[in-house]
Protein backbone atom coordinates (compact mmCIF):
# COMPACT_ATOMS: atom_id res chain seq x y z
CA MET A 1 -1.08 -15.19 39.45
CA LYS A 2 0.84 -18.33 38.44
CA ASN A 3 0.76 -17.37 34.75
CA ARG A 4 2.00 -13.86 35.54
CA ILE A 5 4.95 -15.26 37.43
CA LEU A 6 5.74 -17.61 34.55
CA LEU A 7 5.52 -14.72 32.09
CA VAL A 8 7.92 -12.63 34.19
CA ILE A 9 10.35 -15.57 34.29
CA ILE A 10 10.12 -16.01 30.50
CA ILE A 11 10.70 -12.28 29.87
CA THR A 12 13.63 -12.30 32.29
CA ILE A 13 15.18 -15.20 30.38
CA ALA A 14 14.53 -13.42 27.08
CA ALA A 15 16.19 -10.27 28.44
CA PHE A 16 19.27 -12.18 29.62
CA ILE A 17 19.64 -13.93 26.24
CA ARG A 18 19.36 -10.66 24.31
CA LEU A 19 21.45 -8.45 26.61
CA TYR A 20 24.26 -10.74 27.75
CA ASN A 21 27.62 -9.33 26.60
CA LEU A 22 25.80 -7.46 23.84
CA ASN A 23 28.71 -5.15 23.06
CA SER A 24 31.00 -8.13 22.37
CA TYR A 25 28.72 -10.67 20.68
CA PRO A 26 28.50 -10.55 17.74
CA ALA A 27 32.21 -9.71 17.84
CA GLY A 28 32.94 -6.75 15.62
CA LEU A 29 30.53 -4.24 14.16
CA ASN A 30 28.96 -4.59 10.74
CA ALA A 31 28.96 -1.68 8.32
CA ASP A 32 25.22 -1.02 8.59
CA GLU A 33 25.46 -0.80 12.38
CA ALA A 34 28.40 1.59 12.07
CA ALA A 35 26.42 3.72 9.60
CA ILE A 36 23.46 3.93 11.97
CA GLY A 37 25.66 4.87 14.92
CA TYR A 38 27.82 7.40 13.07
CA ASN A 39 24.85 9.12 11.42
CA ALA A 40 23.12 9.42 14.82
CA TYR A 41 26.40 10.87 16.15
CA SER A 42 26.53 13.26 13.19
CA LEU A 43 22.96 14.43 13.83
CA LEU A 44 23.80 15.12 17.47
CA GLN A 45 26.90 17.08 16.53
CA THR A 46 25.65 19.00 13.49
CA GLY A 47 21.96 18.37 12.84
CA LEU A 48 23.03 16.78 9.54
CA ASP A 49 23.69 13.21 8.44
CA GLU A 50 27.11 12.12 7.15
CA HIS A 51 26.30 13.52 3.70
CA GLY A 52 25.09 16.89 4.97
CA ASN A 53 21.33 16.24 4.76
CA ARG A 54 19.27 17.82 7.53
CA TRP A 55 17.17 15.35 9.57
CA PRO A 56 16.32 13.11 6.59
CA VAL A 57 13.45 10.62 6.36
CA ASN A 58 15.76 8.20 4.53
CA PHE A 59 19.51 8.18 5.10
CA LYS A 60 21.65 8.10 1.96
CA SER A 61 24.41 6.14 3.73
CA PHE A 62 26.02 3.86 1.09
CA GLY A 63 23.50 4.94 -1.54
CA ASP A 64 20.98 2.42 -0.20
CA TYR A 65 18.75 5.06 1.45
CA LYS A 66 18.04 3.37 4.76
CA PRO A 67 14.71 4.29 6.44
CA GLY A 68 15.41 6.70 9.29
CA GLY A 69 13.38 5.17 12.11
CA TYR A 70 16.17 3.17 13.72
CA PHE A 71 18.67 6.01 13.32
CA TYR A 72 16.46 8.29 15.39
CA LEU A 73 15.77 5.51 17.89
CA VAL A 74 19.53 5.06 18.40
CA LEU A 75 20.17 8.79 18.72
CA PRO A 76 19.36 9.19 22.46
CA PHE A 77 21.39 6.07 23.26
CA VAL A 78 24.43 7.55 21.48
CA LYS A 79 23.82 10.79 23.36
CA LEU A 80 23.81 9.02 26.73
CA MET A 81 26.32 6.23 26.10
CA GLY A 82 28.60 7.63 23.44
CA LEU A 83 29.38 6.19 20.02
CA THR A 84 29.71 2.52 21.01
CA GLU A 85 28.57 -0.89 19.83
CA LEU A 86 26.23 -1.15 22.80
CA ALA A 87 24.51 2.15 22.01
CA VAL A 88 23.74 0.94 18.48
CA ARG A 89 22.51 -2.52 19.50
CA LEU A 90 20.63 -1.86 22.72
CA PRO A 91 17.43 -0.40 21.16
CA SER A 92 17.03 -3.52 19.01
CA ALA A 93 17.65 -5.81 21.98
CA LEU A 94 15.09 -3.97 24.13
CA LEU A 95 12.47 -4.15 21.41
CA GLY A 96 13.28 -7.83 20.95
CA ILE A 97 12.46 -8.33 24.65
CA LEU A 98 9.27 -6.33 24.21
CA ALA A 99 8.26 -8.66 21.36
CA VAL A 100 8.25 -11.60 23.78
CA LEU A 101 5.65 -9.79 25.89
CA LEU A 102 3.68 -8.68 22.84
CA ILE A 103 3.37 -12.16 21.37
CA PHE A 104 1.96 -13.33 24.70
CA LEU A 105 -0.58 -10.51 24.65
CA LEU A 106 -1.53 -11.11 21.01
CA VAL A 107 -2.00 -14.88 21.36
CA LYS A 108 -3.99 -14.41 24.57
CA GLU A 109 -6.19 -11.82 22.86
CA LEU A 110 -6.75 -13.96 19.78
CA PHE A 111 -7.31 -17.35 21.39
CA ASP A 112 -8.18 -16.53 25.02
CA ASN A 113 -5.67 -19.13 26.20
CA ASP A 114 -3.00 -18.11 28.71
CA ASN A 115 -1.12 -21.40 28.45
CA LEU A 116 -0.88 -21.20 24.67
CA ALA A 117 0.26 -17.57 25.00
CA LEU A 118 2.99 -18.59 27.44
CA ILE A 119 4.21 -21.32 25.08
CA ALA A 120 4.30 -18.83 22.20
CA SER A 121 6.33 -16.37 24.26
CA LEU A 122 8.69 -19.20 25.26
CA PHE A 123 9.14 -20.24 21.63
CA LEU A 124 9.97 -16.65 20.65
CA THR A 125 12.36 -16.33 23.61
CA PHE A 126 14.48 -19.19 22.26
CA SER A 127 13.89 -18.60 18.54
CA PRO A 128 17.26 -18.57 16.69
CA TRP A 129 15.80 -16.18 14.12
CA HIS A 130 14.58 -13.74 16.74
CA ILE A 131 17.63 -13.94 19.02
CA HIS A 132 20.05 -13.33 16.15
CA PHE A 133 18.36 -10.17 14.95
CA SER A 134 17.66 -8.88 18.45
CA ARG A 135 21.38 -8.92 19.26
CA GLY A 136 22.46 -6.60 16.46
CA GLY A 137 21.52 -3.14 15.28
CA TRP A 138 18.93 -4.53 12.89
CA GLU A 139 16.12 -2.27 11.66
CA SER A 140 14.17 -5.36 10.60
CA ASN A 141 13.88 -6.55 14.21
CA VAL A 142 12.42 -3.20 15.26
CA ALA A 143 9.98 -3.27 12.35
CA THR A 144 8.81 -6.77 13.35
CA THR A 145 8.14 -5.62 16.92
CA LEU A 146 6.17 -2.62 15.64
CA LEU A 147 4.14 -4.87 13.31
CA LEU A 148 3.43 -7.15 16.27
CA LEU A 149 2.45 -4.17 18.43
CA GLY A 150 0.20 -2.79 15.69
CA THR A 151 -1.52 -6.18 15.27
CA TRP A 152 -2.15 -6.58 19.01
CA LEU A 153 -3.50 -3.02 19.27
CA PHE A 154 -5.76 -3.64 16.27
CA VAL A 155 -7.26 -6.73 17.91
CA ARG A 156 -7.68 -4.74 21.15
CA GLY A 157 -9.35 -2.04 19.11
CA LEU A 158 -12.19 -4.42 18.28
CA LYS A 159 -13.27 -4.07 21.91
CA ASN A 160 -12.24 -0.46 22.48
CA ASN A 161 -11.90 1.63 19.32
CA ILE A 162 -9.41 4.02 20.87
CA TYR A 163 -6.72 1.34 20.36
CA PHE A 164 -7.13 1.69 16.58
CA ILE A 165 -5.37 5.06 16.82
CA PHE A 166 -2.29 3.55 18.42
CA SER A 167 -2.43 0.58 16.07
CA SER A 168 -2.27 2.81 13.01
CA LEU A 169 0.65 4.76 14.48
CA SER A 170 2.52 1.51 15.16
CA PHE A 171 2.08 0.30 11.59
CA ILE A 172 3.19 3.68 10.23
CA ALA A 173 6.22 3.68 12.55
CA SER A 174 7.22 0.25 11.20
CA MET A 175 7.27 1.68 7.67
CA TYR A 176 9.66 4.41 8.79
CA THR A 177 11.97 1.74 10.17
CA TYR A 178 12.57 -0.82 7.43
CA HIS A 179 11.95 -1.12 3.68
CA SER A 180 10.11 -4.46 3.86
CA ALA A 181 7.57 -3.08 6.34
CA ARG A 182 6.43 -0.63 3.66
CA VAL A 183 5.02 -3.65 1.84
CA ILE A 184 4.06 -5.84 4.82
CA ALA A 185 2.34 -3.27 7.05
CA PRO A 186 -0.40 -2.24 4.53
CA LEU A 187 -1.01 -5.87 3.58
CA LEU A 188 -1.23 -6.90 7.23
CA VAL A 189 -3.74 -4.13 7.95
CA LEU A 190 -5.84 -5.31 5.00
CA ALA A 191 -5.61 -8.89 6.29
CA LEU A 192 -6.76 -7.79 9.74
CA ALA A 193 -9.64 -5.79 8.27
CA PHE A 194 -10.65 -8.79 6.14
CA SER A 195 -10.41 -11.25 9.05
CA PHE A 196 -12.49 -9.08 11.37
CA TYR A 197 -14.65 -7.37 8.76
CA LYS A 198 -17.98 -7.92 10.54
CA ARG A 199 -16.63 -6.34 13.70
CA VAL A 200 -14.77 -3.56 11.89
CA LYS A 201 -17.59 -2.58 9.50
CA PRO A 202 -19.58 -0.47 12.01
CA PHE A 203 -16.41 1.40 12.98
CA LEU A 204 -15.84 2.46 9.36
CA LYS A 205 -18.91 4.72 9.63
CA THR A 206 -17.68 6.62 12.70
CA LYS A 207 -15.99 9.99 13.00
CA MET A 208 -13.08 8.32 14.77
CA PHE A 209 -12.31 6.29 11.65
CA VAL A 210 -12.17 9.48 9.57
CA ALA A 211 -9.93 11.08 12.20
CA ILE A 212 -7.60 8.07 12.20
CA LEU A 213 -7.49 8.11 8.41
CA LEU A 214 -6.53 11.79 8.38
CA LEU A 215 -4.01 11.29 11.18
CA SER A 216 -2.45 8.38 9.29
CA LEU A 217 -2.15 10.45 6.12
CA ILE A 218 -0.48 13.28 8.04
CA PHE A 219 2.05 11.03 9.77
CA SER A 220 2.77 9.01 6.65
CA GLY A 221 3.01 12.09 4.41
CA PRO A 222 6.83 12.40 4.47
CA LEU A 223 7.10 8.66 3.87
CA ILE A 224 4.70 8.73 0.93
CA PHE A 225 6.59 11.65 -0.58
CA SER A 226 9.92 9.82 -0.20
CA LEU A 227 8.52 6.68 -1.87
CA PHE A 228 8.01 8.63 -5.09
CA SER A 229 11.50 10.11 -5.02
CA SER A 230 14.43 8.96 -7.06
CA GLU A 231 16.10 7.58 -3.94
CA ALA A 232 13.32 5.03 -3.40
CA SER A 233 13.37 3.91 -7.02
CA SER A 234 17.15 3.62 -6.97
CA ARG A 235 16.99 1.37 -3.92
CA PHE A 236 14.52 -1.00 -5.57
CA SER A 237 16.39 -0.93 -8.86
CA GLY A 238 19.44 -2.17 -6.96
CA VAL A 239 17.89 -5.01 -4.95
CA GLY A 240 14.54 -5.63 -6.67
CA PHE A 241 14.13 -8.98 -8.38
CA THR A 242 13.78 -7.21 -11.74
CA ALA A 243 17.44 -6.18 -11.33
CA ASP A 244 18.29 -9.82 -12.05
CA THR A 245 18.45 -10.11 -15.84
CA GLY A 246 18.49 -13.92 -15.68
CA PRO A 247 14.74 -14.36 -16.34
CA LEU A 248 14.95 -11.96 -19.29
CA TRP A 249 17.83 -13.88 -20.82
CA ARG A 250 15.86 -17.08 -20.31
CA VAL A 251 12.93 -15.57 -22.24
CA ASN A 252 15.23 -14.74 -25.13
CA GLU A 253 16.73 -18.23 -25.02
CA LEU A 254 13.31 -19.93 -25.11
CA ARG A 255 12.07 -17.69 -27.92
CA GLY A 256 15.22 -18.43 -29.88
CA GLN A 257 14.36 -22.15 -29.82
CA HIS A 258 11.28 -21.41 -31.98
CA THR A 259 11.40 -20.95 -35.76
CA ASN A 260 9.41 -17.73 -35.53
CA TRP A 261 10.48 -16.19 -32.21
CA ASN A 262 8.03 -13.29 -32.64
CA ASP A 263 4.95 -15.45 -33.24
CA PHE A 264 1.94 -14.48 -31.08
CA LYS A 265 1.76 -17.87 -29.35
CA VAL A 266 5.47 -17.76 -28.61
CA VAL A 267 5.21 -14.26 -27.14
CA ILE A 268 2.27 -15.31 -24.95
CA LEU A 269 4.20 -18.27 -23.56
CA HIS A 270 7.61 -16.62 -23.21
CA ASN A 271 7.56 -13.02 -22.04
CA LYS A 272 8.89 -10.81 -19.23
CA ILE A 273 5.66 -10.90 -17.21
CA VAL A 274 5.59 -14.70 -17.09
CA ALA A 275 9.33 -14.91 -16.44
CA TYR A 276 9.40 -12.44 -13.58
CA PHE A 277 6.18 -13.72 -12.05
CA THR A 278 7.69 -17.21 -12.04
CA ALA A 279 10.83 -15.75 -10.46
CA PHE A 280 8.70 -14.06 -7.79
CA LEU A 281 6.95 -17.33 -6.96
CA SER A 282 10.28 -19.12 -6.75
CA ASN A 283 11.61 -16.41 -4.43
CA TYR A 284 8.46 -16.56 -2.33
CA PHE A 285 8.49 -20.31 -1.76
CA ASP A 286 12.23 -20.26 -1.03
CA HIS A 287 11.27 -18.96 2.42
CA PHE A 288 9.43 -22.18 3.24
CA GLN A 289 12.28 -24.52 2.34
CA GLY A 290 13.26 -26.94 5.08
CA ASN A 291 16.95 -26.17 4.60
CA PHE A 292 16.33 -22.46 5.23
CA LEU A 293 13.95 -22.93 8.15
CA PHE A 294 15.54 -25.84 10.01
CA ILE A 295 19.01 -26.79 8.71
CA ASN A 296 21.34 -24.05 7.44
CA GLY A 297 19.43 -20.78 7.36
CA GLU A 298 20.20 -18.28 4.62
CA ILE A 299 23.41 -17.98 2.61
CA VAL A 300 24.72 -14.59 3.86
CA ASN A 301 27.14 -15.29 6.71
CA ARG A 302 26.19 -12.18 8.67
CA ASN A 303 22.60 -13.38 8.86
CA ARG A 304 23.21 -17.00 9.85
CA ILE A 305 24.72 -19.17 12.54
CA PRO A 306 26.87 -22.14 11.40
CA GLU A 307 24.84 -25.29 10.74
CA THR A 308 21.70 -23.70 12.19
CA GLY A 309 18.34 -22.93 10.59
CA GLN A 310 16.04 -20.03 11.34
CA MET A 311 14.15 -22.37 13.67
CA HIS A 312 15.27 -25.19 15.94
CA LEU A 313 15.24 -28.81 14.79
CA PHE A 314 13.04 -29.30 17.86
CA ASP A 315 10.35 -27.17 16.17
CA ILE A 316 9.90 -29.38 13.11
CA PRO A 317 7.12 -31.73 14.33
CA PHE A 318 5.29 -29.00 16.23
CA PHE A 319 5.23 -26.66 13.24
CA PHE A 320 3.54 -29.29 11.07
CA LEU A 321 1.30 -30.40 13.92
CA GLY A 322 0.36 -26.75 14.44
CA ILE A 323 -0.80 -26.48 10.84
CA TYR A 324 -2.75 -29.73 11.23
CA PHE A 325 -4.45 -28.72 14.47
CA PHE A 326 -5.28 -25.22 13.22
CA ILE A 327 -7.01 -26.65 10.16
CA LYS A 328 -8.69 -29.39 12.19
CA ASN A 329 -9.87 -27.26 15.13
CA ARG A 330 -10.40 -23.93 13.33
CA PRO A 331 -10.27 -21.92 16.57
CA LYS A 332 -11.65 -18.39 16.47
CA ASN A 333 -9.33 -15.87 14.82
CA TRP A 334 -7.06 -18.58 13.43
CA GLY A 335 -7.26 -17.17 9.90
CA ILE A 336 -5.16 -14.08 10.68
CA ILE A 337 -2.18 -16.28 11.60
CA PHE A 338 -2.23 -17.97 8.19
CA LEU A 339 -2.78 -14.67 6.41
CA TRP A 340 0.29 -13.28 8.18
CA LEU A 341 2.20 -16.44 7.23
CA ALA A 342 1.25 -15.87 3.59
CA ILE A 343 2.06 -12.15 3.63
CA ALA A 344 5.36 -12.26 5.53
CA PRO A 345 7.74 -13.30 2.66
CA ILE A 346 6.21 -11.04 -0.02
CA ALA A 347 8.57 -8.08 0.40
CA SER A 348 11.60 -10.37 0.44
CA ALA A 349 10.31 -12.23 -2.63
CA LEU A 350 10.38 -8.94 -4.55
CA THR A 351 14.17 -8.92 -4.24
CA PHE A 352 16.65 -11.12 -6.04
CA GLN A 353 18.49 -12.66 -3.07
CA THR A 354 16.26 -15.25 -1.43
CA PRO A 355 15.51 -16.69 0.99
CA ASN A 356 16.44 -13.60 2.99
CA ALA A 357 16.26 -13.75 6.78
CA ILE A 358 16.38 -9.96 7.21
CA ARG A 359 13.71 -8.92 4.73
CA ALA A 360 11.38 -11.76 5.78
CA HIS A 361 12.11 -11.36 9.50
CA ASN A 362 8.45 -10.80 10.43
CA LEU A 363 7.79 -14.39 9.28
CA VAL A 364 9.11 -15.49 12.69
CA ILE A 365 5.86 -14.37 14.37
CA PRO A 366 3.35 -16.68 12.57
CA LEU A 367 5.90 -19.52 12.58
CA VAL A 368 6.29 -19.27 16.35
CA ILE A 369 2.53 -19.11 16.96
CA ILE A 370 1.87 -22.12 14.72
CA SER A 371 4.61 -24.14 16.43
CA ALA A 372 3.31 -23.17 19.87
CA TYR A 373 -0.20 -24.24 18.85
CA GLY A 374 1.20 -27.58 17.69
CA LEU A 375 2.92 -28.21 21.02
CA TRP A 376 -0.09 -27.11 23.09
CA ASN A 377 -2.49 -29.36 21.19
CA SER A 378 -0.03 -32.26 21.30
CA LEU A 379 0.05 -31.96 25.09
CA GLN A 380 -3.76 -31.93 25.19
CA TRP A 381 -4.01 -34.86 22.78
CA VAL A 382 -1.71 -37.21 24.75
CA LYS A 383 -3.90 -36.79 27.81
CA THR A 384 -6.51 -38.90 26.04
CA LYS A 385 -4.03 -41.58 24.94
CA ASN A 386 -2.08 -44.30 26.70
CA SER A 387 0.79 -43.41 28.96
CA LEU A 388 3.48 -44.65 26.55
CA ILE A 389 2.62 -41.98 23.96
CA ALA A 390 2.64 -39.33 26.66
CA ILE A 391 6.02 -40.54 27.95
CA LEU A 392 7.49 -40.40 24.43
CA LEU A 393 6.26 -36.84 23.95
CA TYR A 394 7.55 -35.69 27.32
CA CYS A 395 10.91 -37.35 26.65
CA TYR A 396 11.11 -35.64 23.27
CA ILE A 397 10.47 -32.26 24.91
CA ALA A 398 12.77 -32.93 27.88
CA ILE A 399 15.68 -34.08 25.71
CA LEU A 400 15.37 -32.27 22.36
CA LEU A 401 14.40 -28.83 23.65
CA PRO A 402 17.43 -28.38 25.96
CA TRP A 403 19.69 -29.97 23.34
CA SER A 404 18.46 -27.65 20.56
CA VAL A 405 18.77 -24.52 22.69
CA THR A 406 22.17 -25.50 24.11
CA ARG A 407 23.49 -26.36 20.66
CA TYR A 408 22.32 -22.99 19.31
CA PHE A 409 24.09 -21.02 22.03
CA HIS A 410 27.21 -23.12 21.57
CA GLN A 411 27.20 -22.37 17.84
CA TYR A 412 26.51 -18.67 18.49
CA PHE A 413 29.04 -17.93 21.23
CA VAL A 414 31.79 -20.41 20.32
CA HIS A 415 31.75 -21.22 16.60
CA TYR A 416 30.07 -18.22 14.93
CA LEU A 417 32.96 -15.82 15.38
CA LYS A 418 35.56 -18.39 14.37
CA THR A 419 33.61 -19.61 11.34
CA TYR A 420 32.54 -16.24 9.86
CA PRO A 421 34.82 -13.62 11.51
CA GLU A 422 34.75 -11.30 8.50
CA ALA A 423 30.94 -11.18 8.50
CA TRP A 424 30.96 -8.63 11.34
CA GLU A 425 34.05 -6.71 10.19
CA TYR A 426 36.12 -8.17 13.00
CA GLY A 427 39.53 -6.53 13.30
CA PHE A 428 38.60 -2.97 12.35
CA LYS A 429 38.41 -1.83 15.96
CA GLU A 430 41.92 -3.15 16.54
CA LEU A 431 43.13 -1.72 13.21
CA VAL A 432 41.84 1.78 13.97
CA ALA A 433 43.26 1.66 17.50
CA TYR A 434 46.69 0.84 16.06
CA LEU A 435 46.60 3.41 13.24
CA LYS A 436 45.08 6.35 15.11
CA PRO A 437 48.30 7.42 16.89
CA LEU A 438 50.25 7.05 13.63
CA GLU A 439 47.99 8.78 11.11
CA ASN A 440 49.75 12.17 11.25
CA ASN A 441 53.15 10.57 10.64
CA TYR A 442 52.31 9.48 7.08
CA ASP A 443 51.25 11.21 3.91
CA LYS A 444 48.72 8.50 3.08
CA ILE A 445 47.30 5.40 4.72
CA TYR A 446 45.88 2.80 2.32
CA ILE A 447 43.17 0.45 3.64
CA THR A 448 41.90 -2.60 1.78
CA ASP A 449 38.29 -2.49 0.65
CA LYS A 450 37.95 -6.28 0.68
CA TYR A 451 35.67 -5.96 3.68
CA ASP A 452 32.29 -4.22 3.49
CA GLN A 453 32.37 -0.37 3.50
CA PRO A 454 35.58 0.07 5.55
CA TYR A 455 35.36 3.89 5.64
CA ILE A 456 32.31 3.86 7.93
CA LEU A 457 34.10 1.61 10.45
CA PHE A 458 36.96 4.14 10.55
CA LEU A 459 34.56 7.04 11.03
CA PHE A 460 32.83 5.16 13.84
CA TYR A 461 35.91 4.09 15.78
CA LEU A 462 37.81 7.35 15.19
CA LYS A 463 34.72 9.35 16.21
CA TYR A 464 35.76 11.48 13.27
CA PRO A 465 34.32 15.03 13.43
CA PRO A 466 31.13 14.94 11.33
CA GLU A 467 31.36 18.61 10.30
CA LYS A 468 34.79 17.89 8.83
CA PHE A 469 33.71 14.72 7.06
CA GLN A 470 30.66 16.45 5.56
CA GLN A 471 33.04 18.77 3.73
CA GLU A 472 35.21 15.93 2.48
CA VAL A 473 32.75 13.22 1.48
CA VAL A 474 32.52 12.19 -2.18
CA LEU A 475 30.74 8.96 -3.08
CA THR A 476 31.90 6.64 -5.83
CA PRO A 477 29.46 5.81 -8.68
CA ARG A 478 26.83 3.20 -7.82
CA ASP A 479 27.65 -0.42 -8.41
CA LYS A 480 25.24 -2.88 -10.06
CA PHE A 481 23.35 -3.30 -6.76
CA GLY A 482 22.84 0.45 -6.30
CA PHE A 483 25.47 0.86 -3.57
CA SER A 484 28.33 3.35 -3.48
CA THR A 485 31.10 4.11 -1.04
CA VAL A 486 33.66 6.65 0.15
CA GLU A 487 37.22 6.17 -1.08
CA ASP A 488 38.92 9.01 0.79
CA PHE A 489 38.72 11.14 3.91
CA SER A 490 41.55 12.80 5.80
CA ASN A 491 44.69 10.92 4.72
CA PHE A 492 42.92 7.53 4.55
CA HIS A 493 42.31 5.90 1.19
CA PHE A 494 40.05 2.84 0.86
CA ASP A 495 40.53 0.64 -2.19
CA SER A 496 41.85 -2.73 -3.29
CA ILE A 497 45.57 -2.94 -2.61
CA ASN A 498 47.59 -2.89 -5.85
CA TRP A 499 51.08 -3.59 -4.58
CA ASP A 500 52.77 -2.94 -7.93
CA LEU A 501 51.49 0.64 -7.86
CA LEU A 502 52.04 1.30 -4.17
CA LYS A 503 55.53 -0.16 -3.75
CA GLU A 504 57.12 2.90 -5.38
CA GLU A 505 55.46 5.39 -3.02
CA LYS A 506 57.15 6.85 0.06
CA ASN A 507 55.98 7.67 3.58
CA ILE A 508 52.79 5.62 3.44
CA LEU A 509 51.19 2.87 5.49
CA VAL A 510 49.34 0.00 3.85
CA ALA A 511 46.80 -2.25 5.62
CA GLY A 512 45.85 -5.16 3.41
CA THR A 513 44.75 -8.76 3.54
CA GLU A 514 47.21 -11.63 3.58
CA GLU A 515 46.69 -12.13 -0.18
CA GLU A 516 47.28 -8.46 -0.99
CA ILE A 517 50.62 -8.10 0.82
CA PRO A 518 53.39 -10.08 -0.93
CA LYS A 519 55.37 -12.60 1.07
CA GLY A 520 58.75 -11.32 2.21
CA VAL A 521 57.60 -7.72 2.71
CA PRO A 522 58.45 -6.59 6.28
CA VAL A 523 55.23 -6.40 8.31
CA ILE A 524 55.09 -4.02 11.27
CA LYS A 525 51.77 -5.29 12.62
CA THR A 526 49.49 -8.26 12.01
CA ILE A 527 45.88 -8.36 13.17
CA TYR A 528 44.33 -11.81 13.46
CA PHE A 529 40.80 -13.15 13.34
CA PRO A 530 39.72 -15.24 16.36
CA ASN A 531 40.36 -18.39 14.29
CA ASN A 532 44.02 -17.27 13.98
CA LYS A 533 43.73 -16.45 10.29
CA ILE A 534 45.13 -13.09 9.24
CA ALA A 535 42.69 -10.20 8.98
CA PHE A 536 45.19 -7.41 8.20
CA LYS A 537 48.88 -7.02 7.52
CA ILE A 538 50.25 -3.52 8.02
CA VAL A 539 53.41 -2.46 6.20
CA ARG A 540 55.40 0.79 6.04
CA LEU A 541 56.84 2.25 2.84
C-alpha cells in the first residue's frame, strides 16, 4: 500500500511538471509542431493533408516525410480543442506521464524490486531529457513510450503469452510514429528474444506465435511498403550519414598521399566502407560523451536547455555506480538493460548530425534504469559501512538532488526563452495577429524566411482553409538536406528580404529581421523577443 501511494505521488509530480502551462512553455511553436497541427486540421476539414494526399502513412510536410502516427494521435485533440499549441503538445505530455508509470512496471517486472522501480520512476520524472521532449509535440517522445510499453508487455508475455500480441502491436505502432523507431524497434525485439531465448523458445512452436507473426505483417504492411518508396529513400539521403561527403573527401586525400593511389593495399586501407564505418562509430560514441550527457546537451538550440546536459549533474556518480553494480551483482534480466543501452543510439548514428537528442531519445530509458540501480545499491551498501559514509551519501542526495532539479527548472522557465527565443519560432503568433486584419489592404506581404519554415506558422495561426491551400501549394526544390518549403500562398510571400529589389514596389508590407530592414526606414510595427532583441520589423511601401 505504501509503495502504491508513493507511485501515485510520483506520477502526480510527473504530470504537474509535464502539463504546467504547456501551451506557453516552450514559448512559441516550432515548425514541426505547426505542421503536425495543421495537417491534422486539414485531415479533419478535407480528409487530405496539406499537399492533397488522402490519409497518408507518411506526411510529405517539408519534403521530410514525417511518419503519420503522431499526426493521427493529435487529430482528436485538434477536433476537441481547436488548432492550438495545447492540442498539439498534450498527447506527447500525456504519453510522457504514462512512461513514468511504465518504467516502474518494467523495472518491477525485470528485477522484482518495488523500491528500485520507484527510484527509476522518480529519475524519469525529473529527467531533463524526458521532460524536455514531453513538453513539446515531439514524435520521438511518443515512440519512446511505445517502445517502453512494448518491452514491458514482452516481459509480461513470458508469463502469459497473450501479452505478446499487445507487445508486437506496441512495437509496430512506434515505427509508425518516428523514423528512428523503425531501426530501434526490430533490434529491441531481437534483443528481448535473445535475452529470454530459453523462455521464448517453446512459444515459437505455438499457433499463437504464427498468428502474431501474421498479424504483425498485416499491420506493418503499409509501413513496409512505404519504406521501399522514393519518399523513404529521399528522407535518408537527406539526413543519412552518407549524405556527408567529408569521409569520401578524406579517402581521396589519403589516397593522394600515396605514390600509386590505386594500389591494392592503398584501396584496402582507404575506401568508402572503412571511412563511413569509422564515421558511424564516431557518431555512435558521440552519444556517450560527458558533455552531451551531463554538461551542455546537443548543439541544436531547440533540443537543449542552456548549460544543461541530457541528464542532471546529480546523476553522474550513480550512472557509473549503476554500471559497476550491474556488472558486479549480475541480477536476473540485467542483460536487456545493457542491450537497450547499446541499441539506443544506432538510428541516430546513421545520420550525420550527432549526438542527436531527438533521434536517440529512447536512450533515456536504459540511462535512467542504470542510474536508479546505482542509487539503490549505494543506499544498500552504506548500511554496512560506518555512519560517516552514510551521512555523506545522504547529504549528497539531500543537497545535490534539489539543487539539480531546481537549477533545471530555472534554466527552462527563466533562461531558455531568453537565450534561444528563435528556436521555437517566437514572434510568429504576434506577427500573424498583427498582419491578419491588414492582409486584404496590400497587394503582397513579404515575410522573411530566416526562421524555419515560416509558411506553416502562418497556416497554423491563420487557420487558413486547407481546401484553398491544397489548390495553391507548390514546393520549392529540395535543398541539400532533402527539405523543401512553400514560398507563396494567398498574398503572402516567404523568402529572404532583398531590400534593393523590394524598395521600388508599391502597396506592399515587408516583415523582416533587424538586419534585413535598413536603418532609417520608417517602421510601423516592431515585434520583440523576450530578451528585448528584435524579432521582426514591419514596414509599409
